[in-house]
Structures are given as structure tokens and as C-alpha cells.
Amino acid sequence: MLNSMRAVFRLIGGSSEGARVIELNGVIGSVCPKVPERSLPNSVVYESQEALIAALPELARHYDEAGIEAWTVWMPEDDTRAAAALEEAGHKLDADPAAMTLDVAKLGEPPEIDYRTGDDLLATVAAVNDNAYDHEGTPWSDFTSRQPAGVTKNYVADADGEPVSVLSILPVDGDACVWAVATLPAARGRGLAGRLMHRALWDARSAGCDLSTLQATKMGEPVYARLGYERLGALQMWERRR
């Protein structure tokens, strides 16, 4: 999962104006000046607690110089030494999404759903994410505005001819890494996200993926569990905000 997350943040670090990637010894971070107030596109993952602790001053310098107001470190919940160092450096525990994984070989035939998939749907995926949550502005559209076409597999479910549920899959070494799952509030409760994910994962299996990973919010975790995802524990987000 952490390997796939590194690939995600490398992609985000090249997907908007002025974005870049910080690569230190065993640590990688995405820097997105177009969305300085959002920590998701300004994220760090690491290979070991020692690597993170050593890199924290340099990471802070990079984000401060880029004018980033909020950035986060994704930390496995058992990394207690990293947690202590992050707290000392001014980070606060902001969220603890569930780390989940799925053996896609166990999937049955996907259910019927009115959906679309294609390289040209990234803007639609971003727009639905912007409208599905209580964001100010359009952060998802901003930090994906220059993402190369054809890297992620984008899926959109429609209702009454309008996009209402979306997701993206980034294939990484056989892992169908799921990101950007969102359903508009008015369309929730119909099972659209689960059916759309089932369809997308079926396609990923056909394309050679044998596993899928994701990080689940409290709202999303039951949806993913019904598909067969298993919880591995929490992957905490330690945010530093000006």
C-alpha cells in the first residue's frame, strides 16, 4: 500500500502548475502550491521511522519555502517514535483512515450500473469530488489540472444523465490503488459507489491486478467492507498547519 501511495504522490507532484516532488532518503512528498491550504495534495510517505525523523526539518523547509499552509505525513498507527517526533515538530493527528486491502480474485461478476470510463474523465472525477464534500473552491480540480492523460483509470456513474459517483484507479505493480472515490450527497444510499468500484476492480483484474489497496474514511469503510476489503489497521494523517 505504501509503495502505491508513493506512486500516487509522485503523480500529484507533477499534476498542477508549480507542483513538484520532494525525494529525500527513504521519504517522498508532494508539493502543490495551487492548493496550499489542503494537506491531501501536500502529503508525505516514508519507508522507516528513522528516515522520517531525520527528514522532518528538511521537509518543513521545503513546504515553508513553497508557501504551503498545511501538509501531512501518512503514518502507520504503530509507529510511536514517528508520532512523538511529529508532535514535537508541530504536527497534530488530523485523521486516521483505515488501511484496507482486497484480493481481487475473490470478486464475482460485477452488477449492472450505468457508467463510463476513459482517459478524458479525470476532470469529471475531480469536479464530483469538489462538489461531494464541504470544500471551499475547487481543490481537486486545481491539483489535477495538468495530470497526464492515461495514467489513472477513471470511472463515472451517471444518474438522469449527470455524473454522480466517481473513482480513479492507479495500477502499481499489480495493485489497483483506489483514489478519489466520491458520490454527490443527493445520490448517496443507492449503492452507486460500491457497484462502480466492483466494475472498476473487475476491469483491473482483467488487466492483471491481483490486489487492491485504499485508505477509507469512516463513511467509506462499510462500503469497501461489503466488497470484501479487509482492514489492516489505521493509517494516520499527521498534519502541520500554519
Protein backbone atom coordinates (compact mmCIF):
# COMPACT_ATOMS: atom_id res chain seq x y z
CA MET A 1 0.00 0.00 0.00
CA LEU A 2 2.74 2.47 0.90
CA ASN A 3 4.50 1.65 -2.38
CA SER A 4 1.32 2.56 -4.27
CA MET A 5 0.89 5.72 -2.21
CA ARG A 6 4.38 6.80 -3.21
CA ALA A 7 3.32 6.43 -6.84
CA VAL A 8 0.16 8.46 -6.19
CA PHE A 9 2.04 11.35 -4.61
CA ARG A 10 4.69 11.32 -7.31
CA LEU A 11 1.83 11.72 -9.78
CA ILE A 12 0.18 14.51 -7.77
CA GLY A 13 3.56 16.25 -7.52
CA GLY A 14 3.54 16.71 -11.30
CA SER A 15 -0.14 17.34 -11.94
CA SER A 16 -0.59 21.09 -11.45
CA GLU A 17 1.20 24.37 -12.09
CA GLY A 18 4.26 24.71 -9.86
CA ALA A 19 3.86 21.24 -8.32
CA ARG A 20 6.93 19.15 -7.60
CA VAL A 21 8.12 16.13 -5.65
CA ILE A 22 10.48 16.12 -2.66
CA GLU A 23 12.65 12.99 -2.62
CA LEU A 24 14.87 12.53 0.42
CA ASN A 25 16.49 9.38 1.79
CA GLY A 26 13.54 7.00 2.22
CA VAL A 27 10.98 9.84 2.18
CA ILE A 28 8.82 11.27 -0.60
CA GLY A 29 6.48 14.27 -0.52
CA SER A 30 4.25 16.08 -3.00
CA VAL A 31 4.22 19.89 -3.09
CA CYS A 32 1.21 21.63 -4.66
CA PRO A 33 1.33 25.43 -4.47
CA LYS A 34 -2.00 25.64 -6.35
CA VAL A 35 -3.69 24.19 -3.24
CA PRO A 36 -1.55 25.47 -0.34
CA GLU A 37 -4.32 25.19 2.25
CA ARG A 38 -5.09 21.48 1.63
CA SER A 39 -2.86 18.82 3.13
CA LEU A 40 -4.02 15.90 0.94
CA PRO A 41 -2.11 17.05 -2.17
CA ASN A 42 0.76 18.12 0.11
CA SER A 43 1.50 14.70 1.55
CA VAL A 44 4.50 12.72 2.78
CA VAL A 45 5.05 8.95 2.98
CA TYR A 46 8.19 7.25 4.27
CA GLU A 47 9.98 3.91 4.37
CA SER A 48 11.13 3.90 8.01
CA GLN A 49 10.61 5.91 11.17
CA GLU A 50 14.33 6.77 11.25
CA ALA A 51 14.15 8.16 7.71
CA LEU A 52 11.14 10.32 8.53
CA ILE A 53 12.60 11.68 11.79
CA ALA A 54 15.84 12.64 10.02
CA ALA A 55 13.94 14.30 7.15
CA LEU A 56 11.44 16.39 9.15
CA PRO A 57 13.49 19.65 9.26
CA GLU A 58 14.23 19.48 5.53
CA LEU A 59 10.59 18.69 4.73
CA ALA A 60 9.43 21.68 6.77
CA ARG A 61 11.89 23.93 4.93
CA HIS A 62 10.64 22.78 1.50
CA TYR A 63 6.97 23.28 2.38
CA ASP A 64 7.58 26.65 4.04
CA GLU A 65 9.57 27.94 1.06
CA ALA A 66 6.77 26.83 -1.28
CA GLY A 67 4.19 28.78 0.76
CA ILE A 68 2.29 25.64 1.78
CA GLU A 69 -0.07 26.32 4.68
CA ALA A 70 -0.90 22.68 5.50
CA TRP A 71 0.91 19.41 4.83
CA THR A 72 0.50 15.94 6.26
CA VAL A 73 2.53 12.83 6.99
CA TRP A 74 0.83 9.45 6.48
CA MET A 75 1.91 7.21 9.35
CA PRO A 76 1.10 3.57 10.21
CA GLU A 77 -0.60 3.64 13.60
CA ASP A 78 2.08 1.58 15.35
CA ASP A 79 4.93 3.99 14.52
CA THR A 80 5.08 5.51 18.00
CA ARG A 81 8.55 7.08 17.65
CA ALA A 82 7.47 8.83 14.46
CA ALA A 83 4.32 10.07 16.20
CA ALA A 84 6.37 11.57 19.04
CA ALA A 85 8.71 13.30 16.59
CA LEU A 86 5.82 14.65 14.55
CA GLU A 87 4.10 16.04 17.62
CA GLU A 88 7.34 17.69 18.74
CA ALA A 89 7.70 19.24 15.26
CA GLY A 90 4.25 20.84 15.45
CA HIS A 91 2.10 18.23 13.72
CA LYS A 92 -1.31 17.19 15.04
CA LEU A 93 -3.25 14.00 14.42
CA ASP A 94 -5.87 15.10 11.89
CA ALA A 95 -7.47 11.83 10.73
CA ASP A 96 -6.99 8.08 10.94
CA PRO A 97 -8.39 6.44 7.79
CA ALA A 98 -8.49 2.66 7.67
CA ALA A 99 -5.84 0.91 5.60
CA MET A 100 -7.71 -1.74 3.59
CA THR A 101 -6.76 -4.40 1.06
CA LEU A 102 -8.67 -6.75 -1.26
CA ASP A 103 -7.79 -9.96 -3.05
CA VAL A 104 -9.45 -9.14 -6.38
CA ALA A 105 -9.51 -12.83 -7.38
CA LYS A 106 -12.39 -13.23 -4.92
CA LEU A 107 -14.64 -10.80 -6.80
CA GLY A 108 -17.72 -12.13 -8.51
CA GLU A 109 -19.29 -10.75 -11.69
CA PRO A 110 -19.96 -7.01 -11.37
CA PRO A 111 -23.54 -5.80 -11.01
CA GLU A 112 -25.28 -3.67 -13.61
CA ILE A 113 -24.54 0.06 -13.49
CA ASP A 114 -24.76 2.99 -15.90
CA TYR A 115 -21.12 4.02 -16.07
CA ARG A 116 -18.39 5.48 -18.27
CA THR A 117 -14.64 5.03 -18.27
CA GLY A 118 -11.93 6.81 -20.24
CA ASP A 119 -8.83 8.99 -20.23
CA ASP A 120 -10.95 12.12 -20.72
CA LEU A 121 -12.89 11.73 -17.45
CA LEU A 122 -10.33 12.96 -14.92
CA ALA A 123 -11.87 16.45 -14.90
CA THR A 124 -15.28 14.91 -14.15
CA VAL A 125 -13.83 12.82 -11.31
CA ALA A 126 -12.23 15.95 -9.83
CA ALA A 127 -15.41 18.04 -10.20
CA VAL A 128 -17.58 15.45 -8.43
CA ASN A 129 -15.02 15.27 -5.58
CA ASP A 130 -15.12 19.07 -5.31
CA ASN A 131 -18.92 19.04 -5.10
CA ALA A 132 -19.31 15.97 -2.88
CA TYR A 133 -17.60 17.42 0.18
CA ASP A 134 -17.57 20.68 2.10
CA HIS A 135 -14.64 22.24 0.25
CA GLU A 136 -14.05 25.90 -0.41
CA GLY A 137 -13.09 26.44 -4.03
CA THR A 138 -12.15 23.57 -6.33
CA PRO A 139 -9.08 21.87 -4.79
CA TRP A 140 -9.41 18.54 -6.63
CA SER A 141 -9.74 20.26 -10.00
CA ASP A 142 -6.80 22.51 -9.13
CA PHE A 143 -4.32 19.82 -8.10
CA THR A 144 -5.14 17.55 -11.06
CA SER A 145 -5.28 20.25 -13.73
CA ARG A 146 -2.11 19.10 -15.51
CA GLN A 147 -2.17 15.38 -14.77
CA PRO A 148 -1.07 13.40 -17.84
CA ALA A 149 -3.84 11.51 -19.60
CA GLY A 150 -3.92 7.73 -19.44
CA VAL A 151 -2.13 7.29 -16.10
CA THR A 152 -5.18 6.71 -13.91
CA LYS A 153 -8.23 4.67 -14.89
CA ASN A 154 -11.20 6.95 -14.29
CA TYR A 155 -14.79 5.77 -13.74
CA VAL A 156 -18.02 7.79 -13.63
CA ALA A 157 -21.54 6.57 -12.75
CA ASP A 158 -24.44 8.61 -14.09
CA ALA A 159 -27.97 9.21 -12.85
CA ASP A 160 -30.50 11.02 -15.02
CA GLY A 161 -27.68 11.76 -17.44
CA GLU A 162 -25.50 13.52 -14.86
CA PRO A 163 -22.27 12.29 -13.19
CA VAL A 164 -22.96 11.49 -9.54
CA SER A 165 -20.39 8.91 -8.40
CA VAL A 166 -16.70 8.62 -9.38
CA LEU A 167 -13.38 6.98 -8.65
CA SER A 168 -9.87 6.63 -10.05
CA ILE A 169 -7.58 3.61 -10.07
CA LEU A 170 -3.81 3.85 -10.39
CA PRO A 171 -2.32 0.44 -11.27
CA VAL A 172 1.01 -0.02 -9.43
CA ASP A 173 2.89 -3.34 -9.60
CA GLY A 174 -0.31 -5.40 -9.64
CA ASP A 175 -2.09 -3.20 -7.08
CA ALA A 176 -5.28 -1.50 -8.25
CA CYS A 177 -4.78 1.51 -5.97
CA VAL A 178 -8.15 3.24 -5.47
CA TRP A 179 -8.37 7.02 -5.05
CA ALA A 180 -10.84 9.88 -5.45
CA VAL A 181 -13.98 7.91 -4.55
CA ALA A 182 -16.90 10.31 -4.18
CA THR A 183 -20.69 10.38 -4.55
CA LEU A 184 -22.79 13.53 -4.59
CA PRO A 185 -24.91 13.85 -1.42
CA ALA A 186 -28.21 13.66 -3.30
CA ALA A 187 -27.20 10.33 -4.87
CA ARG A 188 -25.97 8.56 -1.73
CA GLY A 189 -27.70 5.49 -0.35
CA ARG A 190 -28.25 3.87 -3.75
CA GLY A 191 -25.17 1.65 -3.75
CA LEU A 192 -23.60 3.51 -6.67
CA ALA A 193 -20.08 3.75 -5.25
CA GLY A 194 -19.96 0.06 -4.41
CA ARG A 195 -21.25 -1.04 -7.80
CA LEU A 196 -18.92 1.33 -9.63
CA MET A 197 -15.93 0.09 -7.63
CA HIS A 198 -16.88 -3.52 -8.35
CA ARG A 199 -16.93 -2.74 -12.07
CA ALA A 200 -13.59 -0.92 -11.92
CA LEU A 201 -11.91 -3.68 -9.91
CA TRP A 202 -13.23 -6.34 -12.30
CA ASP A 203 -11.58 -4.44 -15.14
CA ALA A 204 -8.37 -4.09 -13.11
CA ARG A 205 -8.31 -7.83 -12.50
CA SER A 206 -8.73 -8.46 -16.22
CA ALA A 207 -5.77 -6.10 -16.80
CA GLY A 208 -3.50 -8.13 -14.48
CA CYS A 209 -4.00 -6.68 -10.99
CA ASP A 210 -4.29 -9.28 -8.22
CA LEU A 211 -4.71 -6.89 -5.29
CA SER A 212 -6.32 -3.57 -4.43
CA THR A 213 -5.47 -1.11 -1.66
CA LEU A 214 -7.14 2.04 -0.39
CA GLN A 215 -7.47 4.32 2.62
CA ALA A 216 -11.04 4.50 3.89
CA THR A 217 -12.88 7.26 5.70
CA LYS A 218 -15.42 6.32 8.36
CA MET A 219 -18.19 6.82 5.77
CA GLY A 220 -16.45 4.75 3.11
CA GLU A 221 -15.23 1.82 5.20
CA PRO A 222 -18.57 -0.09 5.29
CA VAL A 223 -18.92 0.27 1.51
CA TYR A 224 -15.48 -1.24 0.95
CA ALA A 225 -16.02 -3.99 3.53
CA ARG A 226 -19.11 -5.16 1.64
CA LEU A 227 -16.91 -5.57 -1.45
CA GLY A 228 -14.54 -7.79 0.51
CA TYR A 229 -11.85 -5.32 1.60
CA GLU A 230 -10.19 -6.19 4.90
CA ARG A 231 -8.98 -3.64 7.43
CA LEU A 232 -5.26 -3.79 8.24
CA GLY A 233 -5.31 -1.03 10.84
CA ALA A 234 -5.23 2.76 10.73
CA LEU A 235 -3.01 4.91 8.54
CA GLN A 236 -2.87 8.15 10.47
CA MET A 237 -2.57 11.61 8.95
CA TRP A 238 -0.37 13.97 10.99
CA GLU A 239 -0.91 17.50 9.75
CA ARG A 240 1.23 20.59 10.24
CA ARG A 241 -0.75 23.79 9.64
CA ARG A 242 0.40 27.37 9.88
